[in-house]
């Protein structure tokens, strides 16, 4: 994430414009990893909690 935020700094906008496909793929990869990790890790905590209520 640190690299993603660094690449989004204002000074890199020209570089981003010249390499749109690369930057888009990096952003999509970041979000896919984050979403997958969130669903598989954090949301599973709710399953365990819900089972204690049943």
N, C-alpha and C. Protein backbone atom coordinates (compact mmCIF):
# COMPACT_ATOMS: atom_id res chain seq x y z
N UNK A 1 0.83 -1.19 0.00
CA UNK A 1 0.00 0.00 0.00
C UNK A 1 0.88 1.26 0.00
N UNK A 2 1.97 1.17 0.68
CA UNK A 2 2.87 2.31 0.74
C UNK A 2 3.30 2.73 -0.66
N UNK A 3 3.65 1.75 -1.49
CA UNK A 3 4.06 2.06 -2.86
C UNK A 3 2.91 2.63 -3.67
N UNK A 4 1.71 2.11 -3.45
CA UNK A 4 0.54 2.62 -4.17
C UNK A 4 0.32 4.09 -3.85
N UNK A 5 0.36 4.43 -2.57
CA UNK A 5 0.15 5.82 -2.18
C UNK A 5 1.28 6.71 -2.69
N UNK A 6 2.49 6.20 -2.67
CA UNK A 6 3.62 6.98 -3.18
C UNK A 6 3.43 7.26 -4.66
N UNK A 7 2.95 6.27 -5.41
CA UNK A 7 2.76 6.43 -6.85
C UNK A 7 1.62 7.39 -7.18
N UNK A 8 0.76 7.64 -6.23
CA UNK A 8 -0.37 8.53 -6.47
C UNK A 8 -0.05 9.99 -6.13
N UNK A 9 1.15 10.25 -5.69
CA UNK A 9 1.54 11.63 -5.37
C UNK A 9 1.47 12.49 -6.62
N UNK A 10 1.24 13.76 -6.44
CA UNK A 10 1.08 14.69 -7.55
C UNK A 10 2.25 14.70 -8.51
N UNK A 11 3.46 14.51 -8.02
CA UNK A 11 4.63 14.58 -8.89
C UNK A 11 4.69 13.43 -9.89
N UNK A 12 3.90 12.39 -9.67
CA UNK A 12 3.93 11.23 -10.56
C UNK A 12 2.77 11.20 -11.55
N UNK A 13 1.99 12.25 -11.64
CA UNK A 13 0.83 12.22 -12.53
C UNK A 13 1.22 12.06 -13.99
N UNK A 14 2.29 12.70 -14.41
CA UNK A 14 2.73 12.56 -15.81
C UNK A 14 3.15 11.12 -16.08
N UNK A 15 3.90 10.54 -15.16
CA UNK A 15 4.33 9.15 -15.31
C UNK A 15 3.11 8.22 -15.34
N UNK A 16 2.14 8.49 -14.49
CA UNK A 16 0.92 7.69 -14.48
C UNK A 16 0.18 7.81 -15.80
N UNK A 17 0.13 9.01 -16.34
CA UNK A 17 -0.56 9.23 -17.61
C UNK A 17 0.11 8.46 -18.74
N UNK A 18 1.42 8.39 -18.69
CA UNK A 18 2.16 7.70 -19.74
C UNK A 18 2.09 6.18 -19.61
N UNK A 19 1.78 5.68 -18.42
CA UNK A 19 1.75 4.24 -18.15
C UNK A 19 0.42 3.84 -17.51
N UNK A 20 -0.68 4.27 -18.11
CA UNK A 20 -1.99 4.06 -17.51
C UNK A 20 -2.31 2.59 -17.26
N UNK A 21 -1.99 1.73 -18.22
CA UNK A 21 -2.31 0.31 -18.06
C UNK A 21 -1.58 -0.29 -16.86
N UNK A 22 -0.33 0.04 -16.72
CA UNK A 22 0.47 -0.49 -15.61
C UNK A 22 -0.09 -0.03 -14.27
N UNK A 23 -0.40 1.26 -14.17
CA UNK A 23 -0.92 1.79 -12.92
C UNK A 23 -2.31 1.24 -12.60
N UNK A 24 -3.13 1.10 -13.62
CA UNK A 24 -4.46 0.54 -13.40
C UNK A 24 -4.36 -0.89 -12.90
N UNK A 25 -3.48 -1.68 -13.49
CA UNK A 25 -3.30 -3.07 -13.05
C UNK A 25 -2.79 -3.12 -11.61
N UNK A 26 -1.88 -2.23 -11.25
CA UNK A 26 -1.38 -2.18 -9.87
C UNK A 26 -2.49 -1.84 -8.89
N UNK A 27 -3.32 -0.88 -9.25
CA UNK A 27 -4.44 -0.50 -8.37
C UNK A 27 -5.45 -1.63 -8.25
N UNK A 28 -5.78 -2.27 -9.37
CA UNK A 28 -6.72 -3.39 -9.33
C UNK A 28 -6.16 -4.55 -8.51
N UNK A 29 -4.89 -4.83 -8.66
CA UNK A 29 -4.26 -5.91 -7.88
C UNK A 29 -4.32 -5.59 -6.39
N UNK A 30 -4.03 -4.34 -6.03
CA UNK A 30 -4.10 -3.93 -4.64
C UNK A 30 -5.50 -4.15 -4.07
N UNK A 31 -6.53 -3.69 -4.79
CA UNK A 31 -7.89 -3.84 -4.30
C UNK A 31 -8.34 -5.29 -4.25
N UNK A 32 -7.93 -6.09 -5.21
CA UNK A 32 -8.30 -7.52 -5.19
C UNK A 32 -7.69 -8.21 -3.97
N UNK A 33 -6.43 -7.91 -3.68
CA UNK A 33 -5.79 -8.50 -2.50
C UNK A 33 -6.46 -8.02 -1.22
N UNK A 34 -6.79 -6.72 -1.18
CA UNK A 34 -7.41 -6.17 0.02
C UNK A 34 -8.80 -6.76 0.23
N UNK A 35 -9.59 -6.80 -0.82
CA UNK A 35 -10.95 -7.33 -0.69
C UNK A 35 -10.92 -8.80 -0.31
N UNK A 36 -10.09 -9.57 -0.99
CA UNK A 36 -10.00 -11.00 -0.69
C UNK A 36 -9.54 -11.21 0.73
N UNK A 37 -8.51 -10.50 1.14
CA UNK A 37 -8.01 -10.63 2.51
C UNK A 37 -9.06 -10.21 3.52
N UNK A 38 -9.79 -9.19 3.22
CA UNK A 38 -10.83 -8.72 4.14
C UNK A 38 -11.92 -9.76 4.29
N UNK A 39 -12.39 -10.29 3.18
CA UNK A 39 -13.47 -11.28 3.23
C UNK A 39 -13.00 -12.56 3.91
N UNK A 40 -11.83 -13.03 3.56
CA UNK A 40 -11.35 -14.29 4.10
C UNK A 40 -10.87 -14.18 5.54
N UNK A 41 -10.48 -13.01 5.96
CA UNK A 41 -9.94 -12.86 7.32
C UNK A 41 -10.94 -12.18 8.25
N UNK A 42 -11.23 -10.92 8.01
CA UNK A 42 -12.07 -10.15 8.93
C UNK A 42 -13.50 -10.64 8.99
N UNK A 43 -14.10 -10.92 7.85
CA UNK A 43 -15.49 -11.35 7.86
C UNK A 43 -15.67 -12.71 8.50
N UNK A 44 -14.63 -13.54 8.47
CA UNK A 44 -14.72 -14.84 9.13
C UNK A 44 -14.83 -14.68 10.64
N UNK A 45 -14.31 -13.59 11.18
CA UNK A 45 -14.47 -13.30 12.60
C UNK A 45 -15.94 -13.16 12.96
N UNK A 46 -16.73 -12.60 12.07
CA UNK A 46 -18.16 -12.44 12.33
C UNK A 46 -18.87 -13.79 12.32
N UNK A 47 -18.42 -14.70 11.49
CA UNK A 47 -19.01 -16.04 11.45
C UNK A 47 -18.83 -16.70 12.80
N UNK A 48 -17.63 -16.64 13.33
CA UNK A 48 -17.36 -17.24 14.63
C UNK A 48 -18.21 -16.58 15.72
N UNK A 49 -18.35 -15.28 15.66
CA UNK A 49 -19.17 -14.58 16.65
C UNK A 49 -20.64 -14.98 16.52
N UNK A 50 -21.12 -15.06 15.29
CA UNK A 50 -22.52 -15.43 15.07
C UNK A 50 -22.81 -16.84 15.58
N UNK A 51 -21.85 -17.72 15.46
CA UNK A 51 -22.04 -19.09 15.96
C UNK A 51 -22.18 -19.12 17.47
N UNK A 52 -21.54 -18.19 18.17
CA UNK A 52 -21.66 -18.14 19.62
C UNK A 52 -23.05 -17.66 20.04
N UNK A 53 -23.73 -16.96 19.16
CA UNK A 53 -25.07 -16.45 19.49
C UNK A 53 -26.16 -17.50 19.25
N UNK A 54 -25.87 -18.48 18.42
CA UNK A 54 -26.89 -19.49 18.04
C UNK A 54 -27.14 -20.49 19.12
